[in-house]
Amino acid sequence: MRLLVVGRLSGQLSAAVKMAMDTGAKVAHVDTIAQATEALRKGQGADLLMVDYELDIAGLIEANERERIHVQIVACGVNPDPRKAAYAISQGAKEFIPLPPDAELIAAVLAAVSDDSRPLVTHDPAMQAVLKLADQVAGSDASIMITGESGVGKEVMARYLHEKSKRAQKPFISVNCAAIPDNLLESELFGHEKGAFTGAMARRVGKFEEADGGTLLLDEISEMDARLQAKLLRALQERVIDRVGGTKPVPVNIRVLATSNRNLVQAVKDGVFREDLLYRLNVINLAIPPLRERPADILVLSEFFAKKYAEANGLPLKPISTEAKRRLQAHGWPGNVRELENAMHRAVLLSPGAEVDAEAIRLPDGQPLNPVAPIGMDYINHAAQASISAARTFVGSTVAEVEQKLILDTLSHCLGNRTHAANILGISIRTLRNKLNEYTAAGLSVPAPQSGASAA
């Protein structure tokens, strides 16, 4: 983590800085809020500002926002006046650290406020295959395109690649191309010179220069304006950029990663994305499967998030109940890992008993996950007998016809539950879905999940 300390370095503040460095933070220092904004404008990146609470924190935030710089702030002070500490929080500080410092408190506050440690948690073979390819290419400087649905963990994969690369000790800078208006994105990426446009009161270093030596992630690259795509292509080809309003090119040394939840090949055909830029970015493609196609990850991620949010909220770690696990695995998770994380965060807060129970795991609209069909010997025997009965009619049929009938009959007797049918048939849920898609495309009637059954 990169920490910028703002204020006079008295003895106590110096001690706090040393403690922060002991936690692994890379620390820089300036005396005034004006110097802080200037340092950030010039490209001295920071993940967190530690600011003397006697300084104008609101003014610092306002000055940073005028430059479209967003960095979280913690206030600190010696022998703090409770009213001043409260005022610092009201001005926009995220937390307050009293001085003389306590090493454990500083470590906890820095970890909580700047939490950018998002480990890549996976046990599923489908995701393990992607991870194996990521490990093979992480050490290179090749541009990598990371694709997948929203919420699957594309940025987590990008951070993983950076941490495994030879640039790991240099900055990792992320820009969400979909969240910044087109007329501002150019300045955000390439920076600008003083007077380049109305409001450009001073030179501003862009994300390309801020990431120099490290990795730049262009998140949701498919949303970038076509004119800016041309400028980006030049930067990638020649490793130089032009600041807005600048007169000479600026060399940069970066590795570029990009993500997209859209089909970029189709975007090229539609004329909204440059084919040459796609070739330049897509040297390696890492396609992250949706969570519904990596069922072995659901429980391991659920347990990871349950532990994470229990610790974050000072709550005891509770095991996930058996029924809750069944419902978690049966749900389709259209919002992928992001939806699962939010659901487990809510569940940790809403579980009154000794376990994280099924009723506590709720959808964004407050509804609990649908109960799944019961799994017991009667249920399994019923499905097995149905399969045996169906097998008697197979004589004279082709292998494809036998397979089709077995799948559809088993699914029907499982009340449409894809997960249970796949378990009985001894195939993966992904294989089952592919077969059902084929049957649907051929005009066959595929059993839909009944009330109380999941389509997982």
Protein backbone atom coordinates (compact mmCIF):
# COMPACT_ATOMS: atom_id res chain seq x y z
CA MET A 1 0.00 0.00 0.00
CA ARG A 2 1.20 3.54 -0.83
CA LEU A 3 0.71 5.99 2.06
CA LEU A 4 1.15 9.76 1.76
CA VAL A 5 1.54 11.51 5.13
CA VAL A 6 0.45 15.15 5.22
CA GLY A 7 1.60 17.40 8.09
CA ARG A 8 4.62 18.36 10.15
CA LEU A 9 6.55 15.28 11.24
CA SER A 10 6.59 15.62 15.00
CA GLY A 11 8.01 12.80 17.04
CA GLN A 12 4.68 11.01 17.42
CA LEU A 13 3.80 11.29 13.74
CA SER A 14 7.24 9.97 12.84
CA ALA A 15 6.61 6.99 15.10
CA ALA A 16 3.27 6.38 13.36
CA VAL A 17 4.99 6.51 9.98
CA LYS A 18 7.55 3.93 11.09
CA MET A 19 4.74 1.64 12.28
CA ALA A 20 2.97 2.03 8.96
CA MET A 21 6.16 1.10 7.16
CA ASP A 22 6.47 -1.96 9.39
CA THR A 23 3.08 -3.13 8.04
CA GLY A 24 4.51 -3.01 4.52
CA ALA A 25 3.29 0.44 3.50
CA LYS A 26 5.41 2.57 1.15
CA VAL A 27 5.40 6.00 2.79
CA ALA A 28 5.98 9.48 1.36
CA HIS A 29 5.60 12.81 3.17
CA VAL A 30 4.61 16.43 2.47
CA ASP A 31 4.01 19.28 4.90
CA THR A 32 0.86 20.95 3.53
CA ILE A 33 -2.40 20.06 1.82
CA ALA A 34 -1.35 22.11 -1.24
CA GLN A 35 1.79 20.01 -1.52
CA ALA A 36 -0.32 16.86 -1.17
CA THR A 37 -2.55 17.74 -4.12
CA GLU A 38 0.49 18.83 -6.14
CA ALA A 39 2.26 15.54 -5.46
CA LEU A 40 -0.81 13.54 -6.51
CA ARG A 41 -1.29 15.71 -9.60
CA LYS A 42 2.30 15.05 -10.65
CA GLY A 43 1.79 11.33 -10.47
CA GLN A 44 3.02 10.42 -7.00
CA GLY A 45 0.34 7.84 -6.50
CA ALA A 46 -1.16 7.06 -3.10
CA ASP A 47 -3.73 4.55 -1.90
CA LEU A 48 -4.31 6.43 1.36
CA LEU A 49 -3.56 9.83 2.89
CA MET A 50 -2.75 10.18 6.62
CA VAL A 51 -3.45 13.82 7.45
CA ASP A 52 -2.90 15.90 10.58
CA TYR A 53 -6.40 16.70 11.86
CA GLU A 54 -5.40 20.33 12.44
CA LEU A 55 -5.19 20.81 8.65
CA ASP A 56 -8.08 21.67 6.34
CA ILE A 57 -9.20 18.16 5.39
CA ALA A 58 -12.32 19.36 3.58
CA GLY A 59 -10.17 21.76 1.55
CA LEU A 60 -7.79 18.93 0.64
CA ILE A 61 -10.68 16.73 -0.54
CA GLU A 62 -12.13 19.61 -2.56
CA ALA A 63 -8.76 20.40 -4.19
CA ASN A 64 -8.26 16.74 -5.06
CA GLU A 65 -11.74 16.41 -6.52
CA ARG A 66 -11.17 19.43 -8.77
CA GLU A 67 -8.31 17.39 -10.23
CA ARG A 68 -10.50 14.26 -10.29
CA ILE A 69 -8.22 12.63 -7.70
CA HIS A 70 -10.02 10.32 -5.27
CA VAL A 71 -7.92 8.97 -2.39
CA GLN A 72 -9.28 8.02 1.03
CA ILE A 73 -8.09 9.94 4.10
CA VAL A 74 -7.47 9.00 7.71
CA ALA A 75 -6.94 11.83 10.20
CA CYS A 76 -4.45 11.70 13.06
CA GLY A 77 -3.53 13.94 15.96
CA VAL A 78 -1.55 14.18 19.19
CA ASN A 79 -3.57 14.26 22.44
CA PRO A 80 -6.74 14.62 20.38
CA ASP A 81 -9.59 16.92 21.23
CA PRO A 82 -12.72 14.73 20.74
CA ARG A 83 -14.58 17.61 19.07
CA LYS A 84 -11.76 18.16 16.57
CA ALA A 85 -11.53 14.44 15.87
CA ALA A 86 -15.27 14.31 15.21
CA TYR A 87 -14.96 17.38 12.99
CA ALA A 88 -12.22 15.71 10.94
CA ILE A 89 -14.54 12.76 10.33
CA SER A 90 -17.37 15.12 9.36
CA GLN A 91 -15.03 16.81 6.85
CA GLY A 92 -14.52 13.51 5.04
CA ALA A 93 -11.82 11.56 6.90
CA LYS A 94 -12.58 7.85 6.90
CA GLU A 95 -11.08 7.14 10.33
CA PHE A 96 -9.17 8.89 13.14
CA ILE A 97 -5.91 7.61 14.62
CA PRO A 98 -4.91 9.10 18.00
CA LEU A 99 -1.24 9.77 18.66
CA PRO A 100 0.93 8.57 20.44
CA PRO A 101 0.35 5.66 18.09
CA ASP A 102 -0.56 2.07 18.84
CA ALA A 103 1.01 -0.32 16.35
CA GLU A 104 -1.93 -2.74 16.28
CA LEU A 105 -4.43 0.11 15.83
CA ILE A 106 -2.48 1.59 12.92
CA ALA A 107 -2.18 -1.79 11.24
CA ALA A 108 -5.91 -2.47 11.69
CA VAL A 109 -7.02 0.96 10.46
CA LEU A 110 -4.76 0.91 7.41
CA ALA A 111 -5.90 -2.61 6.54
CA ALA A 112 -9.59 -1.73 6.95
CA VAL A 113 -9.54 1.57 5.09
CA SER A 114 -7.28 0.57 2.21
CA ASP A 115 -8.43 -3.04 1.87
CA ASP A 116 -7.12 -3.84 -1.60
CA SER A 117 -6.11 -7.41 -0.72
CA ARG A 118 -8.56 -9.47 -2.72
CA PRO A 119 -7.07 -12.94 -2.98
CA LEU A 120 -8.05 -15.16 -5.85
CA VAL A 121 -9.98 -17.95 -4.12
CA THR A 122 -10.82 -21.00 -6.22
CA HIS A 123 -11.09 -24.79 -6.07
CA ASP A 124 -13.09 -25.46 -9.22
CA PRO A 125 -11.31 -27.22 -12.14
CA ALA A 126 -12.77 -24.76 -14.67
CA MET A 127 -11.20 -21.82 -12.83
CA GLN A 128 -8.02 -23.75 -12.05
CA ALA A 129 -7.44 -24.12 -15.79
CA VAL A 130 -7.68 -20.33 -16.24
CA LEU A 131 -5.35 -19.84 -13.28
CA LYS A 132 -2.79 -22.21 -14.78
CA LEU A 133 -2.72 -20.14 -17.99
CA ALA A 134 -2.48 -16.94 -15.93
CA ASP A 135 0.57 -18.31 -14.10
CA GLN A 136 2.21 -19.15 -17.43
CA VAL A 137 1.87 -15.62 -18.83
CA ALA A 138 2.06 -13.47 -15.68
CA GLY A 139 5.83 -13.06 -15.88
CA SER A 140 5.77 -11.70 -19.43
CA ASP A 141 5.04 -8.15 -20.57
CA ALA A 142 2.36 -9.32 -23.01
CA SER A 143 -0.92 -7.42 -23.04
CA ILE A 144 -3.74 -9.58 -21.68
CA MET A 145 -7.48 -9.33 -22.26
CA ILE A 146 -9.58 -10.66 -19.37
CA THR A 147 -13.15 -11.41 -20.38
CA GLY A 148 -16.24 -12.63 -18.57
CA GLU A 149 -19.59 -11.58 -17.23
CA SER A 150 -19.92 -8.74 -14.73
CA GLY A 151 -18.97 -9.82 -11.25
CA VAL A 152 -16.84 -12.87 -12.10
CA GLY A 153 -13.64 -11.32 -10.71
CA LYS A 154 -11.87 -9.80 -13.71
CA GLU A 155 -10.11 -7.11 -11.66
CA VAL A 156 -9.10 -9.69 -9.05
CA MET A 157 -7.47 -11.67 -11.86
CA ALA A 158 -5.73 -8.51 -13.10
CA ARG A 159 -4.28 -7.85 -9.65
CA TYR A 160 -3.18 -11.49 -9.46
CA LEU A 161 -1.31 -11.12 -12.76
CA HIS A 162 0.38 -7.94 -11.52
CA GLU A 163 1.44 -9.53 -8.23
CA LYS A 164 2.94 -12.49 -10.11
CA SER A 165 4.78 -10.27 -12.60
CA LYS A 166 8.24 -8.73 -12.52
CA ARG A 167 6.49 -5.37 -12.04
CA ALA A 168 4.91 -6.42 -8.73
CA GLN A 169 6.85 -3.82 -6.72
CA LYS A 170 5.69 -1.02 -9.02
CA PRO A 171 2.22 0.61 -9.13
CA PHE A 172 -0.96 -1.18 -10.16
CA ILE A 173 -3.31 1.48 -11.54
CA SER A 174 -6.91 0.76 -12.57
CA VAL A 175 -9.13 2.97 -14.71
CA ASN A 176 -12.83 2.17 -15.19
CA CYS A 177 -13.44 3.29 -18.76
CA ALA A 178 -17.21 2.90 -18.34
CA ALA A 179 -17.41 5.17 -15.28
CA ILE A 180 -15.67 8.25 -16.70
CA PRO A 181 -17.34 10.49 -19.31
CA ASP A 182 -15.70 10.44 -22.74
CA ASN A 183 -14.68 14.10 -22.53
CA LEU A 184 -12.79 13.45 -19.28
CA LEU A 185 -11.33 10.02 -19.96
CA GLU A 186 -8.57 11.32 -22.24
CA SER A 187 -7.26 13.64 -19.53
CA GLU A 188 -7.65 10.87 -16.95
CA LEU A 189 -5.51 8.50 -19.02
CA PHE A 190 -2.95 10.80 -20.58
CA GLY A 191 -2.94 13.85 -18.30
CA HIS A 192 -3.09 17.47 -19.37
CA GLU A 193 -1.03 20.64 -19.46
CA LYS A 194 -1.95 23.82 -17.65
CA GLY A 195 -4.56 25.74 -19.63
CA ALA A 196 -5.35 22.81 -21.94
CA PHE A 197 -9.05 23.36 -21.26
CA THR A 198 -11.29 25.32 -18.93
CA GLY A 199 -10.50 24.33 -15.37
CA ALA A 200 -7.03 22.96 -16.12
CA MET A 201 -5.31 25.16 -13.54
CA ALA A 202 -2.06 23.19 -13.52
CA ARG A 203 -0.34 20.28 -15.23
CA ARG A 204 -1.90 16.93 -14.34
CA VAL A 205 -0.17 13.60 -14.74
CA GLY A 206 -2.47 10.90 -16.14
CA LYS A 207 -2.83 7.23 -15.27
CA PHE A 208 -0.31 6.14 -17.93
CA GLU A 209 2.43 8.15 -16.25
CA GLU A 210 1.25 7.24 -12.75
CA ALA A 211 1.57 3.55 -13.68
CA ASP A 212 5.07 4.01 -15.14
CA GLY A 213 7.14 0.92 -14.43
CA GLY A 214 4.06 -1.00 -13.33
CA THR A 215 0.71 -2.21 -14.64
CA LEU A 216 -2.23 -0.25 -16.05
CA LEU A 217 -5.65 -1.94 -16.04
CA LEU A 218 -8.18 -0.58 -18.53
CA ASP A 219 -11.40 -1.86 -17.00
CA GLU A 220 -14.35 -2.29 -19.39
CA ILE A 221 -12.28 -1.19 -22.37
CA SER A 222 -15.21 -1.85 -24.72
CA GLU A 223 -16.89 1.36 -23.49
CA MET A 224 -14.10 3.61 -24.75
CA ASP A 225 -14.91 6.19 -27.42
CA ALA A 226 -13.61 5.35 -30.92
CA ARG A 227 -11.51 8.55 -31.16
CA LEU A 228 -9.76 7.73 -27.92
CA GLN A 229 -9.17 4.16 -29.07
CA ALA A 230 -6.88 5.53 -31.79
CA LYS A 231 -4.82 7.48 -29.27
CA LEU A 232 -4.63 4.43 -27.02
CA LEU A 233 -3.42 2.30 -29.93
CA ARG A 234 -0.56 4.73 -30.58
CA ALA A 235 0.40 4.66 -26.89
CA LEU A 236 0.53 0.86 -26.94
CA GLN A 237 2.48 0.66 -30.20
CA GLU A 238 5.03 3.39 -29.54
CA ARG A 239 5.08 3.45 -25.72
CA VAL A 240 4.67 7.21 -25.70
CA ILE A 241 1.69 9.37 -24.78
CA ASP A 242 0.59 12.91 -25.52
CA ARG A 243 -0.85 14.94 -22.66
CA VAL A 244 -3.94 16.97 -23.57
CA GLY A 245 -2.56 20.33 -24.68
CA GLY A 246 0.99 18.99 -24.74
CA THR A 247 3.59 19.68 -27.42
CA LYS A 248 5.95 16.74 -27.01
CA PRO A 249 5.45 13.01 -26.45
CA VAL A 250 6.12 11.49 -23.03
CA PRO A 251 7.68 8.00 -22.89
CA VAL A 252 6.05 5.42 -20.61
CA ASN A 253 7.08 1.95 -19.50
CA ILE A 254 3.97 -0.02 -18.56
CA ARG A 255 2.21 -3.31 -19.03
CA VAL A 256 -1.42 -2.99 -20.11
CA LEU A 257 -4.20 -5.33 -19.04
CA ALA A 258 -7.80 -4.85 -20.18
CA THR A 259 -11.17 -6.29 -19.26
CA SER A 260 -14.52 -6.53 -21.01
CA ASN A 261 -17.87 -8.16 -20.36
CA ARG A 262 -18.84 -7.73 -24.01
CA ASN A 263 -18.05 -9.81 -27.07
CA LEU A 264 -15.32 -7.65 -28.62
CA VAL A 265 -15.22 -9.65 -31.85
CA GLN A 266 -18.87 -8.71 -32.34
CA ALA A 267 -18.08 -5.12 -31.30
CA VAL A 268 -15.49 -5.01 -34.11
CA LYS A 269 -18.09 -6.30 -36.58
CA ASP A 270 -20.52 -3.66 -35.33
CA GLY A 271 -17.93 -0.95 -35.95
CA VAL A 272 -17.71 0.24 -32.34
CA PHE A 273 -14.31 -1.21 -31.50
CA ARG A 274 -11.09 -1.03 -33.51
CA GLU A 275 -9.88 -4.37 -34.83
CA ASP A 276 -6.21 -3.34 -34.64
CA LEU A 277 -6.64 -2.31 -31.00
CA LEU A 278 -8.26 -5.66 -30.19
CA TYR A 279 -5.27 -7.49 -31.72
CA ARG A 280 -2.89 -5.29 -29.73
CA LEU A 281 -4.67 -5.91 -26.41
CA ASN A 282 -5.72 -9.52 -26.93
CA VAL A 283 -2.27 -11.13 -27.13
CA ILE A 284 -3.46 -13.54 -24.44
CA ASN A 285 -7.12 -14.04 -23.53
CA LEU A 286 -8.18 -15.16 -20.08
CA ALA A 287 -11.87 -16.04 -20.20
CA ILE A 288 -13.22 -16.32 -16.66
CA PRO A 289 -16.24 -18.64 -16.47
CA PRO A 290 -19.37 -17.45 -14.65
CA LEU A 291 -19.87 -18.74 -11.12
CA ARG A 292 -22.69 -21.07 -12.22
CA GLU A 293 -20.12 -22.95 -14.34
CA ARG A 294 -17.65 -23.32 -11.45
CA PRO A 295 -19.85 -24.94 -8.76
CA ALA A 296 -16.91 -26.06 -6.63
CA ASP A 297 -16.07 -22.40 -6.02
CA ILE A 298 -19.44 -21.52 -4.52
CA LEU A 299 -18.88 -23.01 -1.05
CA VAL A 300 -15.21 -22.10 -0.76
CA LEU A 301 -16.03 -18.48 -1.69
CA SER A 302 -19.01 -18.45 0.68
CA GLU A 303 -16.81 -19.56 3.56
CA PHE A 304 -14.13 -17.03 2.62
CA PHE A 305 -16.64 -14.16 2.60
CA ALA A 306 -18.28 -15.34 5.84
CA LYS A 307 -14.88 -15.21 7.56
CA LYS A 308 -13.96 -11.88 5.97
CA TYR A 309 -17.13 -10.07 7.04
CA ALA A 310 -17.27 -11.64 10.48
CA GLU A 311 -13.78 -10.26 11.14
CA ALA A 312 -14.61 -6.88 9.56
CA ASN A 313 -17.67 -6.45 11.79
CA GLY A 314 -16.14 -7.82 14.98
CA LEU A 315 -18.48 -10.82 14.98
CA PRO A 316 -17.71 -14.45 15.85
CA LEU A 317 -17.08 -16.71 12.87
CA LYS A 318 -20.10 -18.98 12.35
CA PRO A 319 -20.25 -22.12 10.21
CA ILE A 320 -22.65 -22.18 7.28
CA SER A 321 -25.56 -24.54 7.92
CA THR A 322 -26.14 -27.60 5.77
CA GLU A 323 -29.39 -26.22 4.36
CA ALA A 324 -27.70 -22.89 3.60
CA LYS A 325 -24.94 -24.71 1.70
CA ARG A 326 -27.53 -26.59 -0.34
CA ARG A 327 -29.31 -23.38 -1.29
CA LEU A 328 -26.05 -21.60 -2.08
CA GLN A 329 -25.03 -24.37 -4.47
CA ALA A 330 -28.47 -24.57 -6.08
CA HIS A 331 -28.77 -20.83 -6.80
CA GLY A 332 -27.80 -19.62 -10.28
CA TRP A 333 -25.89 -16.46 -9.11
CA PRO A 334 -26.54 -14.26 -12.16
CA GLY A 335 -24.45 -11.53 -10.50
CA ASN A 336 -21.59 -14.02 -10.05
CA VAL A 337 -18.98 -13.62 -7.29
CA ARG A 338 -20.02 -10.03 -6.58
CA GLU A 339 -23.60 -11.12 -5.89
CA LEU A 340 -22.40 -14.01 -3.69
CA GLU A 341 -20.12 -11.69 -1.71
CA ASN A 342 -22.94 -9.23 -1.05
CA ALA A 343 -25.27 -12.07 -0.05
CA MET A 344 -22.75 -13.47 2.44
CA HIS A 345 -22.05 -10.02 3.86
CA ARG A 346 -25.77 -9.62 4.56
CA ALA A 347 -26.00 -13.18 5.90
CA VAL A 348 -23.20 -12.61 8.43
CA LEU A 349 -25.05 -9.57 9.76
CA LEU A 350 -28.49 -11.21 9.76
CA SER A 351 -27.67 -14.58 11.37
CA PRO A 352 -28.89 -14.54 15.00
CA GLY A 353 -27.95 -18.12 15.89
CA ALA A 354 -24.82 -20.23 16.08
CA GLU A 355 -24.77 -20.80 12.29
CA VAL A 356 -25.22 -18.78 9.12
CA ASP A 357 -28.63 -20.21 8.33
CA ALA A 358 -30.49 -20.42 5.03
CA GLU A 359 -33.00 -17.72 5.93
CA ALA A 360 -30.21 -15.20 6.47
CA ILE A 361 -28.89 -15.61 2.91
CA ARG A 362 -31.04 -13.24 0.94
CA LEU A 363 -31.27 -11.79 -2.54
CA PRO A 364 -30.88 -8.04 -3.14
CA ASP A 365 -34.67 -7.57 -2.89
CA GLY A 366 -34.67 -9.18 0.56
CA GLN A 367 -36.10 -12.52 -0.53
CA PRO A 368 -34.36 -15.68 0.76
CA LEU A 369 -32.82 -18.12 -1.68
CA ASN A 370 -35.39 -20.61 -2.98
CA PRO A 371 -35.43 -23.92 -1.11
CA VAL A 372 -34.19 -26.84 -3.17
CA ALA A 373 -35.94 -30.13 -3.72
CA PRO A 374 -35.33 -32.53 -0.81
CA ILE A 375 -32.50 -35.00 -1.19
CA GLY A 376 -33.30 -38.24 0.63
CA MET A 377 -33.33 -41.96 -0.13
CA ASP A 378 -36.98 -41.86 -1.19
CA TYR A 379 -36.25 -39.03 -3.60
CA ILE A 380 -33.13 -40.67 -5.05
CA ASN A 381 -34.82 -44.10 -5.31
CA HIS A 382 -37.76 -42.50 -7.10
CA ALA A 383 -35.46 -40.89 -9.65
CA ALA A 384 -33.42 -44.08 -10.04
CA GLN A 385 -36.53 -46.19 -10.60
CA ALA A 386 -37.70 -43.68 -13.18
CA SER A 387 -34.39 -44.04 -15.02
CA ILE A 388 -34.60 -47.86 -14.93
CA SER A 389 -38.15 -47.76 -16.22
CA ALA A 390 -37.14 -45.41 -19.00
CA ALA A 391 -34.23 -47.69 -19.95
CA ARG A 392 -36.67 -50.50 -20.88
CA THR A 393 -37.83 -48.48 -23.86
CA PHE A 394 -34.31 -47.92 -25.26
CA VAL A 395 -34.06 -51.07 -27.42
CA GLY A 396 -33.92 -50.04 -31.09
CA SER A 397 -32.91 -46.44 -30.33
CA THR A 398 -29.69 -44.68 -31.33
CA VAL A 399 -27.13 -43.71 -28.66
CA ALA A 400 -28.05 -40.03 -29.10
CA GLU A 401 -31.75 -40.83 -28.67
CA VAL A 402 -31.06 -42.92 -25.56
CA GLU A 403 -28.96 -40.14 -24.08
CA GLN A 404 -31.60 -37.51 -24.86
CA LYS A 405 -34.44 -39.52 -23.32
CA LEU A 406 -32.43 -40.43 -20.23
CA ILE A 407 -31.47 -36.81 -19.61
CA LEU A 408 -34.96 -35.42 -20.12
CA ASP A 409 -36.69 -38.13 -18.08
CA THR A 410 -34.24 -37.80 -15.21
CA LEU A 411 -34.62 -34.02 -15.25
CA SER A 412 -38.39 -34.35 -15.23
CA HIS A 413 -38.34 -36.65 -12.19
CA CYS A 414 -35.94 -34.26 -10.44
CA LEU A 415 -38.60 -31.53 -10.74
CA GLY A 416 -36.43 -29.68 -13.22
CA ASN A 417 -33.52 -29.31 -10.79
CA ARG A 418 -30.39 -29.22 -12.96
CA THR A 419 -27.94 -29.83 -10.12
CA HIS A 420 -29.66 -32.96 -8.84
CA ALA A 421 -30.20 -34.34 -12.33
CA ALA A 422 -26.51 -33.87 -13.17
CA ASN A 423 -25.51 -35.66 -9.96
CA ILE A 424 -27.78 -38.64 -10.72
CA LEU A 425 -26.62 -38.80 -14.35
CA GLY A 426 -22.97 -38.55 -13.32
CA ILE A 427 -22.19 -35.58 -15.59
CA SER A 428 -21.13 -32.01 -14.89
CA ILE A 429 -23.72 -29.26 -14.63
CA ARG A 430 -22.02 -27.55 -17.58
CA THR A 431 -22.38 -30.67 -19.78
CA LEU A 432 -26.03 -30.96 -18.78
CA ARG A 433 -26.72 -27.32 -19.65
CA ASN A 434 -25.02 -27.71 -23.04
CA LYS A 435 -27.18 -30.75 -23.82
CA LEU A 436 -30.36 -28.94 -22.75
CA ASN A 437 -29.42 -25.97 -24.93
CA GLU A 438 -29.04 -28.34 -27.89
CA TYR A 439 -32.45 -29.87 -27.21
CA THR A 440 -34.10 -26.47 -26.87
CA ALA A 441 -32.52 -25.30 -30.12
CA ALA A 442 -33.90 -28.45 -31.80
CA GLY A 443 -37.39 -27.52 -30.66
CA LEU A 444 -37.72 -30.09 -27.86
CA SER A 445 -39.56 -29.33 -24.64
CA VAL A 446 -37.13 -29.13 -21.70
CA PRO A 447 -38.60 -29.41 -18.17
CA ALA A 448 -38.48 -26.10 -16.34
CA PRO A 449 -37.76 -25.91 -12.61
CA GLN A 450 -40.91 -26.32 -10.56
CA SER A 451 -41.85 -24.21 -7.56
CA GLY A 452 -39.30 -24.91 -4.86
CA ALA A 453 -36.72 -26.32 -7.28
CA SER A 454 -33.67 -24.49 -8.51
CA ALA A 455 -32.44 -24.21 -12.08
CA ALA A 456 -28.89 -24.22 -10.87
